[in-house]
Every structure is written in structure tokens, then in C-alpha cells.
Protein backbone atom coordinates (compact mmCIF):
# COMPACT_ATOMS: atom_id res chain seq x y z
CA MET A 1 -141.31 82.34 52.47
CA ALA A 2 -144.71 82.13 50.31
CA ASP A 3 -148.33 84.01 51.44
CA PRO A 4 -150.57 81.42 51.82
CA THR A 5 -153.64 82.75 50.24
CA ASP A 6 -151.76 83.38 47.15
CA MET A 7 -150.82 79.32 47.27
CA ALA A 8 -154.68 78.60 47.80
CA SER A 9 -155.45 81.18 44.78
CA GLU A 10 -152.88 79.04 42.80
CA ARG A 11 -154.54 75.48 43.36
CA ASN A 12 -157.81 76.86 42.76
CA VAL A 13 -156.60 78.12 39.60
CA SER A 14 -155.22 74.80 38.61
CA ASP A 15 -157.99 72.83 39.82
CA ARG A 16 -160.23 74.42 37.37
CA ASN A 17 -157.71 73.78 34.68
CA ARG A 18 -157.67 70.55 35.74
CA TRP A 19 -161.37 70.01 34.53
CA LYS A 20 -161.37 72.25 31.30
CA ILE A 21 -158.50 69.51 29.66
CA PRO A 22 -161.12 66.42 29.92
CA GLN A 23 -164.05 69.17 28.42
CA LEU A 24 -162.19 69.93 25.71
CA SER A 25 -160.79 66.42 24.38
CA ALA A 26 -164.63 65.02 24.66
CA PHE A 27 -165.73 68.46 22.69
CA ALA A 28 -162.88 67.36 20.28
CA LEU A 29 -163.86 64.05 20.24
CA ALA A 30 -167.45 64.73 19.66
CA ALA A 31 -166.75 67.02 16.61
CA ALA A 32 -164.16 64.34 15.02
CA ILE A 33 -167.14 62.00 15.13
CA VAL A 34 -169.75 64.30 13.28
CA ALA A 35 -166.89 65.52 10.93
CA MET A 36 -166.44 61.42 10.07
CA SER A 37 -170.05 61.06 10.16
CA ALA A 38 -170.62 63.81 8.01
CA SER A 39 -167.82 62.44 5.10
CA ALA A 40 -169.21 58.98 5.97
CA ALA A 41 -172.73 59.93 4.32
CA SER A 42 -171.16 62.09 1.90
CA ALA A 43 -169.48 59.33 0.36
CA ALA A 44 -171.63 56.90 0.77
CA PRO A 45 -173.82 57.49 -2.45
CA ALA A 46 -170.65 58.80 -4.32
CA ALA A 47 -169.05 55.12 -4.05
CA ALA A 48 -171.31 53.65 -7.03
CA PRO A 49 -173.52 56.71 -8.84
CA HIS A 50 -173.53 55.00 -11.66
CA PRO A 51 -172.20 50.75 -11.30
CA THR A 52 -170.04 49.47 -14.28
CA ARG A 53 -170.10 45.98 -13.90
CA SER A 54 -168.02 44.20 -16.63
CA GLY A 55 -166.48 40.18 -17.04
CA GLY A 56 -166.04 37.33 -18.86
CA CYS A 57 -168.24 34.82 -20.70
CA SER A 58 -168.09 31.05 -20.80
CA GLY A 59 -166.26 31.31 -24.32
CA SER A 60 -164.32 34.60 -25.88
CA GLY A 61 -167.58 37.34 -25.38
CA SER A 62 -167.12 39.62 -22.51
CA TRP A 63 -170.34 41.32 -21.10
CA THR A 64 -170.89 45.27 -19.73
CA LEU A 65 -174.01 45.46 -17.27
CA THR A 66 -174.26 49.22 -16.41
CA VAL A 67 -177.01 51.14 -14.13
CA ARG A 68 -177.69 54.64 -13.88
CA ALA A 69 -180.31 56.96 -12.91
CA ASN A 70 -182.31 58.35 -15.36
CA ALA A 71 -184.07 62.02 -15.47
CA ALA A 72 -187.52 60.52 -15.04
CA GLY A 73 -186.37 59.36 -11.13
CA GLY A 74 -186.18 55.88 -12.39
CA LEU A 75 -183.08 53.48 -13.82
CA THR A 76 -181.53 52.25 -17.10
CA VAL A 77 -180.09 49.36 -17.21
CA LYS A 78 -177.94 48.14 -20.53
CA PHE A 79 -176.36 45.10 -20.60
CA SER A 80 -173.77 44.63 -23.70
CA GLU A 81 -172.17 41.31 -24.66
CA THR A 82 -169.15 41.38 -26.78
CA GLY A 83 -166.66 39.49 -28.74
CA GLY A 84 -169.28 37.08 -30.23
CA ASP A 85 -170.41 35.65 -34.00
CA ALA A 86 -172.20 38.29 -35.81
CA GLY A 87 -175.11 36.58 -36.85
CA ASP A 88 -175.41 34.41 -33.54
CA VAL A 89 -178.42 34.59 -31.59
CA TRP A 90 -178.65 35.24 -27.61
CA HIS A 91 -181.34 34.59 -25.56
CA ILE A 92 -181.14 37.00 -22.59
CA TYR A 93 -182.88 37.53 -18.99
CA ILE A 94 -182.65 40.33 -17.10
CA ASN A 95 -184.13 40.19 -13.82
CA HIS A 96 -184.48 43.25 -11.33
CA ASP A 97 -184.67 42.21 -7.82
CA ALA A 98 -185.37 38.68 -8.85
CA LEU A 99 -188.36 39.29 -11.11
CA LEU A 100 -188.10 39.44 -15.06
CA LEU A 101 -187.58 42.19 -16.19
CA PHE A 102 -186.62 41.23 -19.46
CA SER A 103 -186.74 38.18 -21.36
CA GLY A 104 -185.86 38.13 -24.86
CA SER A 105 -183.32 37.29 -27.94
CA ARG A 106 -181.09 39.67 -30.02
CA THR A 107 -178.74 39.02 -33.09
CA ALA A 108 -175.36 39.76 -32.84
CA ASN A 109 -174.42 42.38 -35.43
CA GLY A 110 -171.65 42.62 -37.71
CA ASN A 111 -169.01 43.02 -34.83
CA GLY A 112 -170.31 40.20 -33.11
CA ALA A 113 -172.15 42.06 -30.06
CA VAL A 114 -175.77 42.55 -28.61
CA THR A 115 -176.91 44.82 -26.39
CA VAL A 116 -180.26 45.39 -24.48
CA THR A 117 -181.39 48.66 -22.33
CA ARG A 118 -184.43 48.49 -20.10
CA LYS A 119 -185.51 51.27 -18.30
CA VAL A 120 -187.30 50.66 -14.79
CA ALA A 121 -188.68 52.37 -11.38
CA ASN A 122 -185.75 52.63 -9.19
CA LEU A 123 -187.33 50.72 -5.95
CA PRO A 124 -187.03 51.90 -2.28
CA GLY A 125 -183.56 49.94 -0.86
CA LEU A 126 -181.04 48.53 -3.39
CA ASP A 127 -182.20 47.51 -6.56
CA THR A 128 -179.79 44.45 -7.99
CA PHE A 129 -180.08 43.32 -11.63
CA THR A 130 -179.16 39.80 -12.59
CA VAL A 131 -178.68 39.23 -16.29
CA SER A 132 -178.06 35.57 -17.94
CA ALA A 133 -177.11 35.30 -21.78
CA ASN A 134 -177.13 32.34 -23.55
CA ASP A 135 -175.78 31.77 -27.09
CA ASN A 136 -177.05 28.23 -27.67
CA THR A 137 -175.08 28.25 -31.43
CA ALA A 138 -171.85 29.00 -30.31
CA GLY A 139 -172.27 27.34 -26.70
CA GLU A 140 -171.17 30.84 -24.98
CA SER A 141 -172.92 31.97 -21.98
CA CYS A 142 -172.91 35.07 -20.04
CA THR A 143 -173.76 35.79 -16.11
CA ALA A 144 -173.80 39.18 -14.64
CA THR A 145 -174.92 41.00 -11.66
CA ALA A 146 -174.87 44.97 -10.38
CA SER A 147 -176.48 46.86 -7.89
CA TYR A 148 -177.74 50.49 -7.40
């Protein structure tokens, strides 16, 4: 027959181990949450460091809008339209967070392309740029949006 003192000591060991498993699981869960938070935080800036958006215009042309951080701590915004007719005049409007950043005309080069580049301050939070470009001669228009 087993000694009652041996059974009591086995029960005490068993009771102590029973509480170690939940503590270990809680620790593992906390470590996993911290690891996921750190990876999500490090992944967020990498998701859109230099957003480039592109699309088609109402005619045969296409547009590209790129926003990049520049060495001065601001942003460089570049809008390009390609596929238009050489010599056509494009009227271009660029808004930065709903405020007019650029309003002007550009004549398409020999390849039918126009480009506008502007440097702006990097405002706190999300910076959104919207471009409207119209070629009244060809009756073509482009609308572009990109955020940084």
C-alpha cells in the first residue's frame, strides 16, 4: 500500500503544475500580441513609402501620380500624362488636402506627354493629392488621386 505522505506530496506537485500551464499560456499569448504589434507597426510605413498610382484618361492617354519624401523633409509630387497628341495644351489642377497647389497649362511634348512636378510640405497625418487634367483640343480628361 502507498504511503499517505507520498500521495500528499504528489498532489502538491500536481497542484503547482496545474497553475503553471495557464500562466505559461498567458505569457505566450502576451508575447504573441507584442510580436504581432511590432510587426504591424514596422509593416505600416513600408506599405506605402512612395505611392505611385496610375490609370487611364477618358481618351487614349494614361496618367501616373507619384508622391515621394524628399531630402528637405517635404514631399515631391509628380503628375505625368502620356498618350496625348504632341502640341496639345493641357490644363492641370493639383490639390493638396483640398487646397489648390498648382493651376497651370502645359503643352504636350513631341511624344504627347506632359509632366508637372511640385515640392510641398509634409503636413501632419495623411497627405492626399488630387489632380484634374484637361486637354480641351482632344476633349480628353484625367483624374488622379494618391495619398502619402
